[in-house]
């Protein structure tokens, strides 16, 4: 489990094709400092398993399913990524409950800067829009954010406000219109949908 609080920005140092997967090597001194083989590290919100590590880099394999369903397949050597280690038991939950299971990708539509923050609009798949509510939680490239507005149009979108810390300490500060981002909706919303659906089926039988 993760919280969506990014610990550091890492850098892709190598991408090795492995047939139906790729092995990413990522420089991230902080998250690698106590990493062991088999540990989980979220890379742009996608939970990956450490396969090898040294003093400041770790390697992780990305299966074809992840390449198809996330933006990890867009990465190139030199790209920056958001990194977070799995949450330790008993730690403060500063963001929200994040599984590291990407539900789909969104696309940056536009950015509106102001004096102290920046509003970013992101298009998302229609089947994910139903899980978003104003002032609810959403994970964008692994970053826990609060939804400002959700618009259920023919092409749905939502907006988030990025404070200076988020702009400086995550890759969201440099994303441009047209860039893809990984999205993970609030797991609680999916559980509620499942439970209500089961209750409705029971009442109808």
N, C-alpha and C. Protein backbone atom coordinates (compact mmCIF):
# COMPACT_ATOMS: atom_id res chain seq x y z
N UNK A 1 0.83 -1.18 0.00
CA UNK A 1 0.00 0.00 0.00
C UNK A 1 0.88 1.25 0.00
N UNK A 2 0.36 2.33 -0.62
CA UNK A 2 1.08 3.59 -0.68
C UNK A 2 0.13 4.70 -0.20
N UNK A 3 0.68 5.90 -0.09
CA UNK A 3 -0.15 7.03 0.35
C UNK A 3 -0.29 8.12 -0.70
N UNK A 4 0.50 8.04 -1.77
CA UNK A 4 0.45 9.08 -2.79
C UNK A 4 1.28 10.30 -2.45
N UNK A 5 2.13 10.19 -1.42
CA UNK A 5 3.05 11.27 -1.08
C UNK A 5 4.41 10.94 -1.69
N UNK A 6 4.77 11.63 -2.74
CA UNK A 6 5.99 11.33 -3.49
C UNK A 6 7.22 11.62 -2.63
N UNK A 7 8.14 10.67 -2.57
CA UNK A 7 9.34 10.83 -1.76
C UNK A 7 10.47 11.51 -2.51
N UNK A 8 10.56 11.24 -3.80
CA UNK A 8 11.59 11.89 -4.61
C UNK A 8 11.29 11.69 -6.08
N UNK A 9 11.90 12.54 -6.90
CA UNK A 9 11.85 12.35 -8.34
C UNK A 9 13.08 11.54 -8.75
N UNK A 10 12.82 10.43 -9.43
CA UNK A 10 13.91 9.61 -9.92
C UNK A 10 14.13 9.84 -11.40
N UNK A 11 15.16 9.18 -11.95
CA UNK A 11 15.50 9.33 -13.37
C UNK A 11 15.69 7.96 -14.00
N UNK A 12 15.08 7.73 -15.15
CA UNK A 12 15.28 6.48 -15.88
C UNK A 12 16.69 6.48 -16.47
N UNK A 13 17.49 5.50 -16.08
CA UNK A 13 18.87 5.43 -16.58
C UNK A 13 19.06 4.36 -17.65
N UNK A 14 18.16 3.38 -17.73
CA UNK A 14 18.27 2.34 -18.75
C UNK A 14 16.91 1.69 -18.96
N UNK A 15 16.65 1.29 -20.20
CA UNK A 15 15.44 0.54 -20.55
C UNK A 15 15.88 -0.66 -21.38
N UNK A 16 15.68 -1.85 -20.84
CA UNK A 16 16.13 -3.08 -21.50
C UNK A 16 14.93 -3.89 -21.96
N UNK A 17 14.71 -4.05 -23.28
CA UNK A 17 13.61 -4.86 -23.79
C UNK A 17 13.81 -6.33 -23.40
N UNK A 18 12.72 -6.97 -22.97
CA UNK A 18 12.79 -8.39 -22.58
C UNK A 18 11.65 -9.17 -23.25
N UNK A 19 11.48 -8.97 -24.54
CA UNK A 19 10.41 -9.66 -25.23
C UNK A 19 9.07 -9.02 -24.94
N UNK A 20 8.27 -9.67 -24.09
CA UNK A 20 6.95 -9.13 -23.76
C UNK A 20 6.99 -8.28 -22.50
N UNK A 21 8.16 -7.77 -22.15
CA UNK A 21 8.30 -6.90 -20.99
C UNK A 21 9.55 -6.04 -21.18
N UNK A 22 9.75 -5.11 -20.27
CA UNK A 22 10.98 -4.32 -20.27
C UNK A 22 11.50 -4.25 -18.85
N UNK A 23 12.79 -4.07 -18.71
CA UNK A 23 13.39 -3.84 -17.39
C UNK A 23 13.84 -2.39 -17.33
N UNK A 24 13.28 -1.67 -16.36
CA UNK A 24 13.65 -0.29 -16.13
C UNK A 24 14.71 -0.21 -15.04
N UNK A 25 15.73 0.59 -15.27
CA UNK A 25 16.68 0.92 -14.22
C UNK A 25 16.46 2.39 -13.87
N UNK A 26 16.28 2.66 -12.59
CA UNK A 26 15.86 3.98 -12.14
C UNK A 26 16.80 4.46 -11.03
N UNK A 27 17.31 5.68 -11.20
CA UNK A 27 18.12 6.28 -10.15
C UNK A 27 17.20 6.98 -9.16
N UNK A 28 17.30 6.57 -7.89
CA UNK A 28 16.51 7.18 -6.82
C UNK A 28 17.20 6.89 -5.50
N UNK A 29 18.17 7.69 -5.11
CA UNK A 29 18.98 7.39 -3.92
C UNK A 29 18.17 7.21 -2.65
N UNK A 30 17.11 7.98 -2.47
CA UNK A 30 16.34 7.88 -1.24
C UNK A 30 15.58 6.56 -1.16
N UNK A 31 14.80 6.25 -2.20
CA UNK A 31 13.99 5.03 -2.14
C UNK A 31 14.85 3.78 -2.23
N UNK A 32 16.06 3.91 -2.78
CA UNK A 32 16.96 2.76 -2.90
C UNK A 32 17.77 2.54 -1.63
N UNK A 33 17.80 3.52 -0.74
CA UNK A 33 18.68 3.46 0.43
C UNK A 33 18.43 2.24 1.31
N UNK A 34 17.19 1.79 1.38
CA UNK A 34 16.89 0.60 2.20
C UNK A 34 16.16 -0.47 1.40
N UNK A 35 16.23 -0.37 0.07
CA UNK A 35 15.51 -1.32 -0.78
C UNK A 35 16.16 -2.69 -0.78
N UNK A 36 15.32 -3.71 -0.85
CA UNK A 36 15.79 -5.09 -0.94
C UNK A 36 15.06 -5.77 -2.09
N UNK A 37 15.65 -6.85 -2.57
CA UNK A 37 15.03 -7.64 -3.62
C UNK A 37 13.61 -8.03 -3.20
N UNK A 38 12.64 -7.76 -4.06
CA UNK A 38 11.25 -8.11 -3.77
C UNK A 38 10.43 -6.98 -3.16
N UNK A 39 11.07 -5.88 -2.77
CA UNK A 39 10.33 -4.75 -2.22
C UNK A 39 9.49 -4.09 -3.31
N UNK A 40 8.47 -3.35 -2.87
CA UNK A 40 7.61 -2.63 -3.80
C UNK A 40 7.94 -1.14 -3.78
N UNK A 41 8.06 -0.57 -4.97
CA UNK A 41 8.25 0.86 -5.14
C UNK A 41 7.30 1.32 -6.23
N UNK A 42 6.54 2.38 -5.96
CA UNK A 42 5.63 2.92 -6.95
C UNK A 42 6.40 3.87 -7.87
N UNK A 43 6.29 3.62 -9.17
CA UNK A 43 6.93 4.44 -10.19
C UNK A 43 5.82 5.10 -11.00
N UNK A 44 5.68 6.41 -10.86
CA UNK A 44 4.56 7.13 -11.48
C UNK A 44 3.23 6.47 -11.13
N UNK A 45 3.14 5.98 -9.90
CA UNK A 45 1.89 5.41 -9.41
C UNK A 45 1.69 3.95 -9.71
N UNK A 46 2.63 3.31 -10.40
CA UNK A 46 2.52 1.89 -10.74
C UNK A 46 3.42 1.09 -9.82
N UNK A 47 2.84 0.18 -9.06
CA UNK A 47 3.60 -0.62 -8.11
C UNK A 47 4.50 -1.60 -8.86
N UNK A 48 5.81 -1.46 -8.68
CA UNK A 48 6.78 -2.35 -9.31
C UNK A 48 7.61 -3.05 -8.24
N UNK A 49 8.15 -4.20 -8.60
CA UNK A 49 8.94 -5.01 -7.67
C UNK A 49 10.42 -4.85 -7.96
N UNK A 50 11.19 -4.58 -6.92
CA UNK A 50 12.63 -4.43 -7.07
C UNK A 50 13.26 -5.78 -7.41
N UNK A 51 13.93 -5.84 -8.55
CA UNK A 51 14.60 -7.07 -8.98
C UNK A 51 16.10 -7.04 -8.67
N UNK A 52 16.66 -5.84 -8.63
CA UNK A 52 18.08 -5.66 -8.32
C UNK A 52 18.27 -4.23 -7.87
N UNK A 53 19.33 -3.96 -7.10
CA UNK A 53 19.57 -2.61 -6.63
C UNK A 53 21.04 -2.44 -6.27
N UNK A 54 21.50 -1.18 -6.30
CA UNK A 54 22.82 -0.86 -5.78
C UNK A 54 22.68 0.38 -4.91
N UNK A 55 23.70 1.19 -4.80
CA UNK A 55 23.67 2.29 -3.84
C UNK A 55 22.65 3.37 -4.18
N UNK A 56 22.39 3.59 -5.47
CA UNK A 56 21.43 4.65 -5.80
C UNK A 56 20.50 4.33 -6.95
N UNK A 57 20.52 3.10 -7.46
CA UNK A 57 19.59 2.71 -8.53
C UNK A 57 18.93 1.38 -8.19
N UNK A 58 17.76 1.16 -8.80
CA UNK A 58 17.11 -0.14 -8.71
C UNK A 58 16.53 -0.50 -10.07
N UNK A 59 16.36 -1.79 -10.28
CA UNK A 59 15.80 -2.29 -11.53
C UNK A 59 14.48 -2.99 -11.24
N UNK A 60 13.52 -2.81 -12.15
CA UNK A 60 12.20 -3.43 -12.01
C UNK A 60 11.69 -3.82 -13.37
N UNK A 61 11.03 -4.97 -13.44
CA UNK A 61 10.45 -5.45 -14.69
C UNK A 61 9.02 -4.95 -14.83
N UNK A 62 8.68 -4.53 -16.05
CA UNK A 62 7.33 -4.05 -16.36
C UNK A 62 6.72 -4.98 -17.39
N UNK A 63 5.66 -5.70 -17.00
CA UNK A 63 5.02 -6.66 -17.88
C UNK A 63 4.23 -5.95 -18.99
N UNK A 64 3.89 -6.69 -20.03
CA UNK A 64 3.16 -6.12 -21.16
C UNK A 64 1.83 -5.51 -20.73
N UNK A 65 1.16 -6.15 -19.78
CA UNK A 65 -0.12 -5.63 -19.28
C UNK A 65 0.06 -4.22 -18.73
N UNK A 66 1.13 -4.01 -17.98
CA UNK A 66 1.40 -2.67 -17.43
C UNK A 66 1.78 -1.69 -18.53
N UNK A 67 2.53 -2.15 -19.51
CA UNK A 67 2.91 -1.28 -20.63
C UNK A 67 1.67 -0.85 -21.41
N UNK A 68 0.69 -1.76 -21.52
CA UNK A 68 -0.54 -1.46 -22.26
C UNK A 68 -1.47 -0.54 -21.49
N UNK A 69 -1.52 -0.69 -20.16
CA UNK A 69 -2.54 0.00 -19.35
C UNK A 69 -2.01 1.26 -18.66
N UNK A 70 -0.71 1.52 -18.72
CA UNK A 70 -0.14 2.68 -18.04
C UNK A 70 0.70 3.48 -19.02
N UNK A 71 1.22 4.61 -18.54
CA UNK A 71 2.09 5.44 -19.38
C UNK A 71 3.56 5.05 -19.26
N UNK A 72 3.87 3.95 -18.55
CA UNK A 72 5.27 3.56 -18.40
C UNK A 72 5.91 3.23 -19.74
N UNK A 73 5.11 2.79 -20.70
CA UNK A 73 5.64 2.49 -22.02
C UNK A 73 6.10 3.73 -22.78
N UNK A 74 5.70 4.92 -22.31
CA UNK A 74 6.10 6.17 -22.96
C UNK A 74 7.46 6.66 -22.48
N UNK A 75 7.99 6.05 -21.43
CA UNK A 75 9.21 6.56 -20.82
C UNK A 75 10.43 6.36 -21.72
N UNK A 76 11.36 7.31 -21.63
CA UNK A 76 12.62 7.23 -22.33
C UNK A 76 13.75 7.42 -21.33
N UNK A 77 14.94 7.00 -21.70
CA UNK A 77 16.10 7.22 -20.82
C UNK A 77 16.25 8.72 -20.58
N UNK A 78 16.44 9.08 -19.32
CA UNK A 78 16.55 10.48 -18.94
C UNK A 78 15.27 11.06 -18.40
N UNK A 79 14.13 10.36 -18.59
CA UNK A 79 12.86 10.87 -18.10
C UNK A 79 12.81 10.84 -16.58
N UNK A 80 12.15 11.83 -15.98
CA UNK A 80 11.95 11.85 -14.54
C UNK A 80 10.67 11.11 -14.19
N UNK A 81 10.66 10.45 -13.04
CA UNK A 81 9.49 9.71 -12.57
C UNK A 81 9.28 9.97 -11.08
N UNK A 82 8.03 9.86 -10.66
CA UNK A 82 7.70 9.99 -9.24
C UNK A 82 7.93 8.66 -8.53
N UNK A 83 8.56 8.69 -7.37
CA UNK A 83 8.89 7.47 -6.64
C UNK A 83 8.35 7.53 -5.22
N UNK A 84 7.81 6.39 -4.77
CA UNK A 84 7.36 6.25 -3.38
C UNK A 84 7.54 4.81 -2.94
N UNK A 85 8.14 4.63 -1.77
CA UNK A 85 8.24 3.29 -1.19
C UNK A 85 6.90 2.88 -0.57
N UNK A 86 6.70 1.58 -0.42
CA UNK A 86 5.49 1.10 0.24
C UNK A 86 5.42 1.64 1.66
N UNK A 87 4.21 1.92 2.12
CA UNK A 87 4.01 2.50 3.45
C UNK A 87 4.30 1.47 4.54
N UNK A 88 5.03 1.89 5.56
CA UNK A 88 5.30 1.00 6.68
C UNK A 88 4.11 0.97 7.64
N UNK A 89 3.88 -0.16 8.27
CA UNK A 89 2.81 -0.29 9.25
C UNK A 89 3.02 0.70 10.39
N UNK A 90 1.96 1.44 10.72
CA UNK A 90 2.04 2.40 11.80
C UNK A 90 2.43 3.79 11.37
N UNK A 91 2.77 3.96 10.08
CA UNK A 91 3.14 5.29 9.59
C UNK A 91 1.90 6.15 9.41
N UNK A 92 2.08 7.47 9.44
CA UNK A 92 0.97 8.39 9.22
C UNK A 92 0.50 8.28 7.77
N UNK A 93 -0.82 8.27 7.59
CA UNK A 93 -1.40 8.21 6.26
C UNK A 93 -1.68 9.64 5.81
N UNK A 94 -0.65 10.29 5.27
CA UNK A 94 -0.78 11.70 4.93
C UNK A 94 -1.58 11.97 3.67
N UNK A 95 -1.62 11.02 2.75
CA UNK A 95 -2.37 11.22 1.52
C UNK A 95 -3.70 10.49 1.60
N UNK A 96 -3.85 9.42 0.81
CA UNK A 96 -5.02 8.54 0.93
C UNK A 96 -4.57 7.13 0.57
N UNK A 97 -5.45 6.17 0.70
CA UNK A 97 -5.08 4.78 0.44
C UNK A 97 -4.87 4.57 -1.06
N UNK A 98 -3.63 4.24 -1.42
CA UNK A 98 -3.25 4.05 -2.82
C UNK A 98 -2.68 2.64 -2.96
N UNK A 99 -3.17 1.90 -3.93
CA UNK A 99 -2.72 0.53 -4.12
C UNK A 99 -1.54 0.40 -5.07
N UNK A 100 -1.35 1.39 -5.92
CA UNK A 100 -0.32 1.26 -6.95
C UNK A 100 -0.82 0.44 -8.13
N UNK A 101 -2.15 0.27 -8.22
CA UNK A 101 -2.78 -0.45 -9.33
C UNK A 101 -3.44 0.58 -10.24
N UNK A 102 -2.79 0.91 -11.32
CA UNK A 102 -3.27 1.97 -12.22
C UNK A 102 -4.56 1.51 -12.91
N UNK A 103 -5.59 2.38 -12.85
CA UNK A 103 -6.88 2.05 -13.46
C UNK A 103 -6.95 2.45 -14.93
N UNK A 104 -6.13 3.38 -15.33
CA UNK A 104 -6.13 3.85 -16.71
C UNK A 104 -5.28 5.09 -16.82
N UNK A 105 -5.25 5.66 -18.00
CA UNK A 105 -4.47 6.87 -18.21
C UNK A 105 -5.37 8.03 -18.57
N UNK A 106 -4.92 9.22 -18.20
CA UNK A 106 -5.59 10.45 -18.58
C UNK A 106 -4.65 11.29 -19.43
N UNK A 107 -5.17 12.39 -19.94
CA UNK A 107 -4.38 13.29 -20.78
C UNK A 107 -4.50 14.71 -20.27
N UNK A 108 -3.36 15.37 -20.07
CA UNK A 108 -3.37 16.77 -19.65
C UNK A 108 -4.02 17.61 -20.74
N UNK A 109 -5.08 18.35 -20.38
CA UNK A 109 -5.76 19.22 -21.34
C UNK A 109 -5.17 20.62 -21.34
N UNK A 110 -5.05 21.21 -20.16
CA UNK A 110 -4.47 22.54 -20.08
C UNK A 110 -4.06 22.83 -18.65
N UNK A 111 -3.30 23.91 -18.49
CA UNK A 111 -2.80 24.36 -17.19
C UNK A 111 -3.09 25.84 -17.07
N UNK A 112 -3.63 26.24 -15.91
CA UNK A 112 -3.93 27.65 -15.66
C UNK A 112 -3.16 28.10 -14.43
N UNK A 113 -2.08 28.86 -14.62
CA UNK A 113 -1.28 29.29 -13.48
C UNK A 113 -1.91 30.46 -12.74
N UNK A 114 -1.64 30.55 -11.45
CA UNK A 114 -2.02 31.71 -10.66
C UNK A 114 -0.81 32.07 -9.80
N UNK A 115 -1.01 32.96 -8.86
CA UNK A 115 0.14 33.45 -8.10
C UNK A 115 0.77 32.37 -7.24
N UNK A 116 -0.04 31.51 -6.63
CA UNK A 116 0.50 30.54 -5.67
C UNK A 116 0.22 29.08 -6.03
N UNK A 117 -0.55 28.81 -7.03
CA UNK A 117 -0.84 27.43 -7.41
C UNK A 117 -1.17 27.38 -8.89
N UNK A 118 -1.44 26.17 -9.38
CA UNK A 118 -1.76 25.99 -10.78
C UNK A 118 -2.90 24.99 -10.90
N UNK A 119 -3.91 25.33 -11.68
CA UNK A 119 -5.04 24.43 -11.91
C UNK A 119 -4.78 23.65 -13.19
N UNK A 120 -4.89 22.33 -13.09
CA UNK A 120 -4.63 21.46 -14.23
C UNK A 120 -5.90 20.66 -14.54
N UNK A 121 -6.32 20.68 -15.82
CA UNK A 121 -7.46 19.88 -16.25
C UNK A 121 -6.94 18.63 -16.96
N UNK A 122 -7.57 17.50 -16.63
CA UNK A 122 -7.13 16.21 -17.14
C UNK A 122 -8.33 15.44 -17.69
N UNK A 123 -8.26 15.03 -18.95
CA UNK A 123 -9.29 14.17 -19.53
C UNK A 123 -9.09 12.75 -19.03
N UNK A 124 -10.19 12.02 -18.85
CA UNK A 124 -10.09 10.65 -18.37
C UNK A 124 -11.13 9.78 -19.03
N UNK A 125 -10.94 8.46 -19.04
CA UNK A 125 -11.91 7.55 -19.64
C UNK A 125 -13.26 7.66 -18.94
N UNK A 126 -14.34 7.53 -19.71
CA UNK A 126 -15.69 7.67 -19.16
C UNK A 126 -15.96 6.66 -18.07
N UNK A 127 -15.40 5.45 -18.18
CA UNK A 127 -15.68 4.43 -17.17
C UNK A 127 -14.99 4.71 -15.84
N UNK A 128 -14.09 5.67 -15.81
CA UNK A 128 -13.44 6.05 -14.55
C UNK A 128 -14.07 7.29 -13.94
N UNK A 129 -14.71 8.12 -14.76
CA UNK A 129 -15.26 9.38 -14.28
C UNK A 129 -16.30 9.18 -13.18
N UNK A 130 -17.01 8.07 -13.22
CA UNK A 130 -18.07 7.84 -12.23
C UNK A 130 -17.52 7.68 -10.81
N UNK A 131 -16.23 7.40 -10.68
CA UNK A 131 -15.64 7.20 -9.35
C UNK A 131 -15.14 8.50 -8.74
N UNK A 132 -15.19 9.60 -9.49
CA UNK A 132 -14.67 10.87 -8.99
C UNK A 132 -15.79 11.76 -8.47
N UNK A 133 -15.52 12.46 -7.39
CA UNK A 133 -16.46 13.45 -6.85
C UNK A 133 -15.66 14.69 -6.47
N UNK A 134 -16.34 15.83 -6.50
CA UNK A 134 -15.68 17.06 -6.07
C UNK A 134 -15.16 16.90 -4.65
N UNK A 135 -13.94 17.31 -4.43
CA UNK A 135 -13.24 17.24 -3.14
C UNK A 135 -12.89 15.81 -2.73
N UNK A 136 -13.04 14.86 -3.67
CA UNK A 136 -12.61 13.49 -3.40
C UNK A 136 -11.14 13.31 -3.74
N UNK A 137 -10.67 12.08 -3.65
CA UNK A 137 -9.25 11.79 -3.87
C UNK A 137 -9.02 11.13 -5.23
N UNK A 138 -7.89 11.47 -5.84
CA UNK A 138 -7.46 10.85 -7.09
C UNK A 138 -5.93 10.78 -7.05
N UNK A 139 -5.38 9.73 -7.65
CA UNK A 139 -3.93 9.62 -7.76
C UNK A 139 -3.53 9.87 -9.20
N UNK A 140 -2.67 10.86 -9.41
CA UNK A 140 -2.19 11.21 -10.75
C UNK A 140 -0.68 11.01 -10.78
N UNK A 141 -0.24 10.06 -11.60
CA UNK A 141 1.19 9.69 -11.64
C UNK A 141 1.74 9.44 -10.24
N UNK A 142 0.93 8.77 -9.43
CA UNK A 142 1.35 8.39 -8.09
C UNK A 142 1.17 9.45 -7.04
N UNK A 143 0.70 10.64 -7.42
CA UNK A 143 0.56 11.75 -6.49
C UNK A 143 -0.86 11.87 -5.98
N UNK A 144 -1.05 11.82 -4.68
CA UNK A 144 -2.37 11.97 -4.08
C UNK A 144 -2.83 13.42 -4.20
N UNK A 145 -3.97 13.61 -4.88
CA UNK A 145 -4.49 14.96 -5.11
C UNK A 145 -5.98 15.01 -4.76
N UNK A 146 -6.45 16.21 -4.50
CA UNK A 146 -7.87 16.44 -4.25
C UNK A 146 -8.53 16.95 -5.52
N UNK A 147 -9.63 16.32 -5.91
CA UNK A 147 -10.37 16.73 -7.10
C UNK A 147 -11.06 18.06 -6.82
N UNK A 148 -10.85 19.02 -7.70
CA UNK A 148 -11.53 20.31 -7.58
C UNK A 148 -12.91 20.24 -8.22
N UNK A 149 -12.96 19.74 -9.46
CA UNK A 149 -14.21 19.70 -10.22
C UNK A 149 -14.21 18.48 -11.13
N UNK A 150 -15.38 17.88 -11.30
CA UNK A 150 -15.56 16.77 -12.24
C UNK A 150 -16.65 17.18 -13.22
N UNK A 151 -16.38 17.02 -14.50
CA UNK A 151 -17.37 17.34 -15.53
C UNK A 151 -17.67 16.08 -16.31
N UNK A 152 -18.91 15.60 -16.19
CA UNK A 152 -19.34 14.39 -16.89
C UNK A 152 -19.90 14.75 -18.26
N UNK A 153 -19.03 15.18 -19.14
CA UNK A 153 -19.43 15.53 -20.50
C UNK A 153 -19.24 14.32 -21.42
N UNK A 154 -19.45 14.52 -22.72
CA UNK A 154 -19.22 13.43 -23.66
C UNK A 154 -17.76 12.98 -23.58
N UNK A 155 -16.88 13.94 -23.33
CA UNK A 155 -15.48 13.65 -23.07
C UNK A 155 -15.17 14.19 -21.67
N UNK A 156 -15.34 13.35 -20.64
CA UNK A 156 -15.23 13.82 -19.25
C UNK A 156 -13.83 14.29 -18.88
N UNK A 157 -13.78 15.19 -17.92
CA UNK A 157 -12.50 15.68 -17.41
C UNK A 157 -12.67 16.06 -15.95
N UNK A 158 -11.53 16.22 -15.28
CA UNK A 158 -11.54 16.71 -13.91
C UNK A 158 -10.40 17.69 -13.75
N UNK A 159 -10.44 18.46 -12.69
CA UNK A 159 -9.37 19.41 -12.45
C UNK A 159 -8.80 19.22 -11.05
N UNK A 160 -7.53 19.58 -10.90
CA UNK A 160 -6.84 19.54 -9.61
C UNK A 160 -6.04 20.83 -9.47
N UNK A 161 -5.80 21.23 -8.24
CA UNK A 161 -4.96 22.39 -7.97
C UNK A 161 -3.62 21.91 -7.43
N UNK A 162 -2.55 22.37 -8.03
CA UNK A 162 -1.21 21.95 -7.62
C UNK A 162 -0.54 23.08 -6.85
N UNK A 163 -0.19 22.79 -5.60
CA UNK A 163 0.49 23.79 -4.77
C UNK A 163 1.96 23.83 -5.13
N UNK A 164 2.70 24.86 -4.71
CA UNK A 164 4.12 24.97 -5.07
C UNK A 164 4.94 23.73 -4.75
N UNK A 165 4.68 23.09 -3.60
CA UNK A 165 5.44 21.89 -3.25
C UNK A 165 5.23 20.78 -4.27
N UNK A 166 3.99 20.57 -4.70
CA UNK A 166 3.71 19.55 -5.70
C UNK A 166 4.35 19.89 -7.03
N UNK A 167 4.30 21.16 -7.41
CA UNK A 167 4.91 21.59 -8.67
C UNK A 167 6.42 21.37 -8.65
N UNK A 168 7.04 21.59 -7.50
CA UNK A 168 8.50 21.48 -7.40
C UNK A 168 8.99 20.05 -7.18
N UNK A 169 8.24 19.28 -6.39
CA UNK A 169 8.74 17.99 -5.92
C UNK A 169 8.22 16.78 -6.69
N UNK A 170 7.34 16.99 -7.67
CA UNK A 170 6.84 15.87 -8.48
C UNK A 170 6.98 16.23 -9.96
N UNK A 171 6.80 15.24 -10.80
CA UNK A 171 6.90 15.47 -12.24
C UNK A 171 5.71 16.24 -12.79
N UNK A 172 4.65 16.40 -11.99
CA UNK A 172 3.48 17.13 -12.46
C UNK A 172 3.80 18.59 -12.73
N UNK A 173 4.89 19.09 -12.15
CA UNK A 173 5.27 20.47 -12.39
C UNK A 173 5.74 20.73 -13.80
N UNK A 174 6.13 19.68 -14.53
CA UNK A 174 6.67 19.87 -15.88
C UNK A 174 5.85 19.18 -16.96
N UNK A 175 4.71 18.60 -16.60
CA UNK A 175 3.86 17.96 -17.60
C UNK A 175 3.22 19.03 -18.49
N UNK A 176 3.07 18.70 -19.77
CA UNK A 176 2.51 19.63 -20.75
C UNK A 176 1.18 19.10 -21.30
N UNK A 177 0.32 19.99 -21.83
CA UNK A 177 -0.90 19.53 -22.49
C UNK A 177 -0.58 18.47 -23.54
N UNK A 178 -1.34 17.38 -23.52
CA UNK A 178 -1.10 16.26 -24.42
C UNK A 178 -0.36 15.12 -23.78
N UNK A 179 0.33 15.37 -22.65
CA UNK A 179 1.05 14.30 -21.96
C UNK A 179 0.07 13.34 -21.28
N UNK A 180 0.43 12.06 -21.30
CA UNK A 180 -0.39 11.06 -20.60
C UNK A 180 0.06 10.94 -19.15
N UNK A 181 -0.90 10.67 -18.27
CA UNK A 181 -0.61 10.45 -16.86
C UNK A 181 -1.36 9.23 -16.38
N UNK A 182 -0.79 8.54 -15.39
CA UNK A 182 -1.44 7.37 -14.80
C UNK A 182 -2.48 7.81 -13.78
N UNK A 183 -3.62 7.15 -13.78
CA UNK A 183 -4.70 7.47 -12.86
C UNK A 183 -5.07 6.25 -12.03
N UNK A 184 -5.24 6.46 -10.74
CA UNK A 184 -5.82 5.44 -9.87
C UNK A 184 -6.93 6.10 -9.07
N UNK A 185 -8.15 5.61 -9.25
CA UNK A 185 -9.28 6.19 -8.52
C UNK A 185 -9.30 5.65 -7.09
N UNK A 186 -10.10 6.28 -6.26
CA UNK A 186 -10.18 5.90 -4.85
C UNK A 186 -10.76 4.50 -4.72
N UNK A 187 -10.03 3.59 -4.10
CA UNK A 187 -10.48 2.20 -3.96
C UNK A 187 -11.79 2.12 -3.18
N UNK A 188 -12.03 3.05 -2.26
CA UNK A 188 -13.27 3.03 -1.49
C UNK A 188 -14.48 3.20 -2.39
N UNK A 189 -14.36 4.02 -3.43
CA UNK A 189 -15.48 4.22 -4.36
C UNK A 189 -15.80 2.93 -5.09
N UNK A 190 -14.78 2.16 -5.44
CA UNK A 190 -15.02 0.90 -6.15
C UNK A 190 -15.66 -0.13 -5.24
N UNK A 191 -15.27 -0.14 -3.96
CA UNK A 191 -15.90 -1.06 -3.01
C UNK A 191 -17.37 -0.71 -2.81
N UNK A 192 -17.67 0.58 -2.69
CA UNK A 192 -19.06 1.01 -2.52
C UNK A 192 -19.90 0.59 -3.71
N UNK A 193 -19.38 0.79 -4.92
CA UNK A 193 -20.10 0.39 -6.12
C UNK A 193 -20.39 -1.11 -6.10
N UNK A 194 -19.40 -1.90 -5.73
CA UNK A 194 -19.55 -3.35 -5.70
C UNK A 194 -20.61 -3.78 -4.68
N UNK A 195 -20.57 -3.19 -3.51
CA UNK A 195 -21.52 -3.54 -2.45
C UNK A 195 -22.94 -3.13 -2.81
N UNK A 196 -23.10 -1.93 -3.37
CA UNK A 196 -24.43 -1.48 -3.77
C UNK A 196 -24.98 -2.33 -4.90
N UNK A 197 -24.09 -2.74 -5.81
CA UNK A 197 -24.53 -3.60 -6.90
C UNK A 197 -25.01 -4.95 -6.41
N UNK A 198 -24.28 -5.50 -5.43
CA UNK A 198 -24.68 -6.80 -4.86
C UNK A 198 -26.00 -6.67 -4.13
N UNK A 199 -26.20 -5.55 -3.42
CA UNK A 199 -27.45 -5.34 -2.69
C UNK A 199 -28.62 -5.23 -3.67
N UNK A 200 -28.42 -4.52 -4.77
CA UNK A 200 -29.48 -4.36 -5.77
C UNK A 200 -29.84 -5.69 -6.40
N UNK A 201 -28.83 -6.52 -6.67
CA UNK A 201 -29.09 -7.83 -7.25
C UNK A 201 -29.86 -8.71 -6.27
N UNK A 202 -29.52 -8.59 -4.98
CA UNK A 202 -30.22 -9.39 -3.97
C UNK A 202 -31.67 -8.98 -3.83
N UNK A 203 -31.93 -7.67 -3.91
CA UNK A 203 -33.30 -7.18 -3.79
C UNK A 203 -34.16 -7.57 -4.98
N UNK A 204 -33.52 -7.70 -6.14
CA UNK A 204 -34.26 -8.03 -7.35
C UNK A 204 -34.56 -9.50 -7.48
N UNK A 205 -33.83 -10.34 -6.74
CA UNK A 205 -34.00 -11.79 -6.88
C UNK A 205 -35.16 -12.31 -6.00
